[in-house]
Structure formats: structure tokens, C-alpha cells
Amino acid sequence: MFVVLALALTVVLTWVFNYTKGSVLLAILAHGSLNISAVAMYDLFPAPSVIEGITNVVVGFGVAAVVLVGLTRGGLGYRHNRQKEDRGSA
């Protein structure tokens, strides 16, 4: 379960980094907001409901990761190659 969540979050945070033109600050803020929401969830709800709820989080981020990969055709917003092609044709 942890590996699936880690891979899904990696895809989502990579898309955030690439889509914001390499902004490390926004990637850090996105990662921090995920951490803060996880801590809040652990503090607000007892342990059994958190364990049951983590499945929903994994499924949610998994679907988001698959949609991002599908919509960006695996590029995740990376534009470095497109910029080189545009300079070469001009």
C-alpha cells in the first residue's frame, strides 16, 4: 500500500514541478500541504478509521496519477524537448 501511494504521489508532485516550470518552492508547498493534511487526519480520527481511510487516499491519488499520465501522454508537463524543437525550426 505504501509503495503504491509513494508512486502516485511521485507522479503528482513531478507534474506540479514540471507544470510550474521547475518551481521547487511550489513543489515543496504541495508536498508540505500533503504532510499537514495527513497529520491533521491522524490527529482528528482514531487509528482504525485512519487505516481504513488510507485505502481511499491511495485510490484517490492513484486515479489522479493515472489521469495525469494519460492526459500528458507520460510527459507530466515536461517541456524541455518542445523548447529545443521550437528553437531549431525558427
N, C-alpha and C. Protein backbone atom coordinates (compact mmCIF):
# COMPACT_ATOMS: atom_id res chain seq x y z
N MET A 1 0.83 -1.18 0.00
CA MET A 1 0.00 0.00 0.00
C MET A 1 0.88 1.26 0.00
N PHE A 2 1.95 1.22 0.80
CA PHE A 2 2.84 2.37 0.88
C PHE A 2 3.52 2.64 -0.45
N VAL A 3 3.95 1.59 -1.13
CA VAL A 3 4.67 1.76 -2.40
C VAL A 3 3.74 2.37 -3.45
N VAL A 4 2.50 1.93 -3.49
CA VAL A 4 1.53 2.48 -4.45
C VAL A 4 1.29 3.95 -4.16
N LEU A 5 1.13 4.30 -2.88
CA LEU A 5 0.93 5.70 -2.50
C LEU A 5 2.16 6.53 -2.85
N ALA A 6 3.35 6.02 -2.58
CA ALA A 6 4.58 6.76 -2.88
C ALA A 6 4.73 6.99 -4.38
N LEU A 7 4.41 5.99 -5.18
CA LEU A 7 4.50 6.16 -6.64
C LEU A 7 3.47 7.16 -7.15
N ALA A 8 2.25 7.09 -6.63
CA ALA A 8 1.21 8.03 -7.05
C ALA A 8 1.58 9.46 -6.67
N LEU A 9 2.07 9.65 -5.45
CA LEU A 9 2.48 10.99 -5.03
C LEU A 9 3.68 11.49 -5.83
N THR A 10 4.56 10.59 -6.21
CA THR A 10 5.70 10.97 -7.04
C THR A 10 5.24 11.51 -8.38
N VAL A 11 4.27 10.84 -8.98
CA VAL A 11 3.74 11.30 -10.27
C VAL A 11 3.07 12.66 -10.12
N VAL A 12 2.26 12.83 -9.09
CA VAL A 12 1.54 14.09 -8.89
C VAL A 12 2.51 15.23 -8.60
N LEU A 13 3.48 15.01 -7.73
CA LEU A 13 4.43 16.07 -7.39
C LEU A 13 5.39 16.37 -8.55
N THR A 14 5.71 15.37 -9.35
CA THR A 14 6.52 15.62 -10.55
C THR A 14 5.76 16.49 -11.53
N TRP A 15 4.47 16.23 -11.68
CA TRP A 15 3.65 17.06 -12.56
C TRP A 15 3.60 18.49 -12.03
N VAL A 16 3.45 18.66 -10.71
CA VAL A 16 3.43 20.02 -10.13
C VAL A 16 4.74 20.73 -10.44
N PHE A 17 5.87 20.05 -10.24
CA PHE A 17 7.17 20.65 -10.51
C PHE A 17 7.32 21.03 -11.98
N ASN A 18 6.98 20.11 -12.88
CA ASN A 18 7.14 20.39 -14.31
C ASN A 18 6.16 21.43 -14.80
N TYR A 19 4.92 21.38 -14.35
CA TYR A 19 3.89 22.30 -14.84
C TYR A 19 4.15 23.73 -14.37
N THR A 20 4.84 23.89 -13.25
CA THR A 20 5.16 25.23 -12.76
C THR A 20 6.53 25.69 -13.25
N LYS A 21 7.01 25.10 -14.33
CA LYS A 21 8.27 25.45 -14.97
C LYS A 21 9.46 25.29 -14.03
N GLY A 22 9.44 24.22 -13.24
CA GLY A 22 10.57 23.90 -12.38
C GLY A 22 10.60 24.64 -11.06
N SER A 23 9.45 25.08 -10.58
CA SER A 23 9.42 25.80 -9.32
C SER A 23 9.54 24.83 -8.15
N VAL A 24 10.69 24.84 -7.52
CA VAL A 24 10.91 23.97 -6.37
C VAL A 24 10.04 24.42 -5.20
N LEU A 25 9.84 25.73 -5.07
CA LEU A 25 9.03 26.26 -3.98
C LEU A 25 7.61 25.69 -4.03
N LEU A 26 6.99 25.71 -5.19
CA LEU A 26 5.62 25.20 -5.29
C LEU A 26 5.57 23.69 -5.09
N ALA A 27 6.59 22.97 -5.52
CA ALA A 27 6.64 21.53 -5.25
C ALA A 27 6.78 21.27 -3.76
N ILE A 28 7.59 22.08 -3.07
CA ILE A 28 7.74 21.94 -1.62
C ILE A 28 6.43 22.27 -0.92
N LEU A 29 5.75 23.31 -1.37
CA LEU A 29 4.47 23.68 -0.76
C LEU A 29 3.42 22.59 -0.98
N ALA A 30 3.40 21.98 -2.16
CA ALA A 30 2.46 20.89 -2.42
C ALA A 30 2.77 19.70 -1.52
N HIS A 31 4.04 19.36 -1.39
CA HIS A 31 4.44 18.24 -0.52
C HIS A 31 4.09 18.56 0.93
N GLY A 32 4.36 19.78 1.35
CA GLY A 32 4.04 20.18 2.72
C GLY A 32 2.56 20.14 3.01
N SER A 33 1.75 20.55 2.05
CA SER A 33 0.30 20.51 2.26
C SER A 33 -0.19 19.07 2.40
N LEU A 34 0.42 18.15 1.67
CA LEU A 34 0.07 16.73 1.83
C LEU A 34 0.46 16.24 3.22
N ASN A 35 1.63 16.64 3.69
CA ASN A 35 2.07 16.23 5.02
C ASN A 35 1.17 16.80 6.12
N ILE A 36 0.82 18.08 6.00
CA ILE A 36 -0.03 18.72 7.01
C ILE A 36 -1.40 18.07 7.05
N SER A 37 -1.97 17.78 5.88
CA SER A 37 -3.30 17.15 5.87
C SER A 37 -3.25 15.74 6.44
N ALA A 38 -2.16 15.02 6.22
CA ALA A 38 -2.02 13.68 6.80
C ALA A 38 -1.93 13.76 8.32
N VAL A 39 -1.16 14.72 8.84
CA VAL A 39 -1.04 14.88 10.29
C VAL A 39 -2.38 15.26 10.89
N ALA A 40 -3.10 16.16 10.23
CA ALA A 40 -4.42 16.56 10.73
C ALA A 40 -5.37 15.37 10.74
N MET A 41 -5.32 14.54 9.71
CA MET A 41 -6.19 13.38 9.66
C MET A 41 -5.87 12.40 10.79
N TYR A 42 -4.59 12.19 11.06
CA TYR A 42 -4.19 11.28 12.14
C TYR A 42 -4.61 11.82 13.50
N ASP A 43 -4.57 13.15 13.69
CA ASP A 43 -4.94 13.73 14.97
C ASP A 43 -6.45 13.77 15.19
N LEU A 44 -7.21 13.95 14.11
CA LEU A 44 -8.66 14.10 14.25
C LEU A 44 -9.41 12.79 14.37
N PHE A 45 -8.88 11.75 13.79
CA PHE A 45 -9.61 10.48 13.75
C PHE A 45 -8.81 9.39 14.45
N PRO A 46 -9.51 8.45 15.09
CA PRO A 46 -8.80 7.36 15.75
C PRO A 46 -8.13 6.43 14.75
N ALA A 47 -7.20 5.64 15.24
CA ALA A 47 -6.36 4.79 14.40
C ALA A 47 -7.13 3.85 13.47
N PRO A 48 -8.17 3.15 13.89
CA PRO A 48 -8.84 2.23 12.95
C PRO A 48 -9.44 2.94 11.72
N SER A 49 -10.01 4.12 11.91
CA SER A 49 -10.59 4.81 10.77
C SER A 49 -9.52 5.36 9.84
N VAL A 50 -8.35 5.69 10.38
CA VAL A 50 -7.25 6.16 9.54
C VAL A 50 -6.76 5.02 8.65
N ILE A 51 -6.64 3.84 9.22
CA ILE A 51 -6.18 2.70 8.44
C ILE A 51 -7.17 2.38 7.33
N GLU A 52 -8.46 2.44 7.64
CA GLU A 52 -9.48 2.21 6.60
C GLU A 52 -9.48 3.35 5.59
N GLY A 53 -9.27 4.57 6.05
CA GLY A 53 -9.29 5.73 5.17
C GLY A 53 -8.08 5.83 4.26
N ILE A 54 -6.97 5.22 4.64
CA ILE A 54 -5.76 5.30 3.82
C ILE A 54 -5.98 4.62 2.48
N THR A 55 -6.83 3.62 2.46
CA THR A 55 -7.15 2.96 1.19
C THR A 55 -7.80 3.96 0.23
N ASN A 56 -8.69 4.79 0.75
CA ASN A 56 -9.33 5.81 -0.09
C ASN A 56 -8.30 6.82 -0.61
N VAL A 57 -7.35 7.18 0.22
CA VAL A 57 -6.31 8.13 -0.18
C VAL A 57 -5.45 7.52 -1.29
N VAL A 58 -5.08 6.25 -1.12
CA VAL A 58 -4.25 5.58 -2.13
C VAL A 58 -5.01 5.48 -3.44
N VAL A 59 -6.27 5.11 -3.39
CA VAL A 59 -7.08 5.01 -4.61
C VAL A 59 -7.23 6.38 -5.25
N GLY A 60 -7.48 7.41 -4.45
CA GLY A 60 -7.65 8.76 -4.99
C GLY A 60 -6.40 9.27 -5.69
N PHE A 61 -5.26 9.15 -5.03
CA PHE A 61 -4.02 9.60 -5.65
C PHE A 61 -3.61 8.69 -6.81
N GLY A 62 -3.95 7.42 -6.72
CA GLY A 62 -3.67 6.50 -7.83
C GLY A 62 -4.44 6.89 -9.08
N VAL A 63 -5.71 7.21 -8.90
CA VAL A 63 -6.52 7.64 -10.04
C VAL A 63 -5.99 8.96 -10.59
N ALA A 64 -5.65 9.89 -9.70
CA ALA A 64 -5.10 11.17 -10.16
C ALA A 64 -3.81 10.97 -10.94
N ALA A 65 -2.95 10.07 -10.48
CA ALA A 65 -1.68 9.80 -11.17
C ALA A 65 -1.93 9.19 -12.54
N VAL A 66 -2.84 8.24 -12.63
CA VAL A 66 -3.14 7.61 -13.92
C VAL A 66 -3.74 8.62 -14.88
N VAL A 67 -4.62 9.48 -14.39
CA VAL A 67 -5.22 10.51 -15.25
C VAL A 67 -4.15 11.49 -15.74
N LEU A 68 -3.25 11.91 -14.84
CA LEU A 68 -2.18 12.84 -15.25
C LEU A 68 -1.27 12.21 -16.30
N VAL A 69 -0.91 10.96 -16.09
CA VAL A 69 -0.05 10.29 -17.07
C VAL A 69 -0.77 10.16 -18.39
N GLY A 70 -2.05 9.85 -18.35
CA GLY A 70 -2.83 9.71 -19.58
C GLY A 70 -3.01 11.03 -20.31
N LEU A 71 -3.36 12.07 -19.58
CA LEU A 71 -3.60 13.37 -20.22
C LEU A 71 -2.32 14.01 -20.76
N THR A 72 -1.22 13.78 -20.08
CA THR A 72 0.04 14.38 -20.54
C THR A 72 0.85 13.43 -21.42
N ARG A 73 0.28 12.26 -21.69
CA ARG A 73 0.94 11.23 -22.51
C ARG A 73 2.31 10.86 -21.97
N GLY A 74 2.41 10.81 -20.65
CA GLY A 74 3.64 10.40 -20.00
C GLY A 74 4.64 11.52 -19.80
N GLY A 75 4.38 12.70 -20.31
CA GLY A 75 5.33 13.80 -20.20
C GLY A 75 5.26 14.54 -18.88
N LEU A 76 4.12 14.48 -18.21
CA LEU A 76 3.90 15.15 -16.93
C LEU A 76 4.26 16.63 -16.97
N GLY A 77 3.96 17.29 -18.07
CA GLY A 77 4.20 18.72 -18.18
C GLY A 77 5.62 19.11 -18.52
N TYR A 78 6.48 18.15 -18.80
CA TYR A 78 7.88 18.46 -19.12
C TYR A 78 7.96 19.06 -20.50
N ARG A 79 8.55 20.25 -20.64
CA ARG A 79 8.55 20.97 -21.91
C ARG A 79 9.94 21.21 -22.48
N HIS A 80 10.96 20.63 -21.94
CA HIS A 80 12.33 20.89 -22.38
C HIS A 80 12.53 20.51 -23.85
N ASN A 81 12.05 19.36 -24.27
CA ASN A 81 12.23 18.93 -25.65
C ASN A 81 11.46 19.80 -26.63
N ARG A 82 10.28 20.24 -26.23
CA ARG A 82 9.50 21.10 -27.12
C ARG A 82 10.19 22.44 -27.35
N GLN A 83 10.84 22.96 -26.33
CA GLN A 83 11.53 24.24 -26.47
C GLN A 83 12.71 24.10 -27.42
N LYS A 84 13.43 22.99 -27.38
CA LYS A 84 14.55 22.77 -28.29
C LYS A 84 14.06 22.65 -29.74
N GLU A 85 12.92 21.97 -29.94
CA GLU A 85 12.38 21.81 -31.28
C GLU A 85 11.94 23.15 -31.85
N ASP A 86 11.34 23.99 -30.99
CA ASP A 86 10.88 25.31 -31.44
C ASP A 86 12.06 26.19 -31.83
N ARG A 87 13.15 26.14 -31.12
CA ARG A 87 14.33 26.95 -31.46
C ARG A 87 14.98 26.45 -32.74
N GLY A 88 14.96 25.13 -32.95
CA GLY A 88 15.60 24.56 -34.13
C GLY A 88 14.85 24.87 -35.43
N SER A 89 13.53 25.01 -35.35
CA SER A 89 12.75 25.24 -36.57
C SER A 89 12.66 26.72 -36.93
N ALA A 90 13.03 27.60 -36.02
CA ALA A 90 12.92 29.03 -36.29
C ALA A 90 14.07 29.58 -37.09
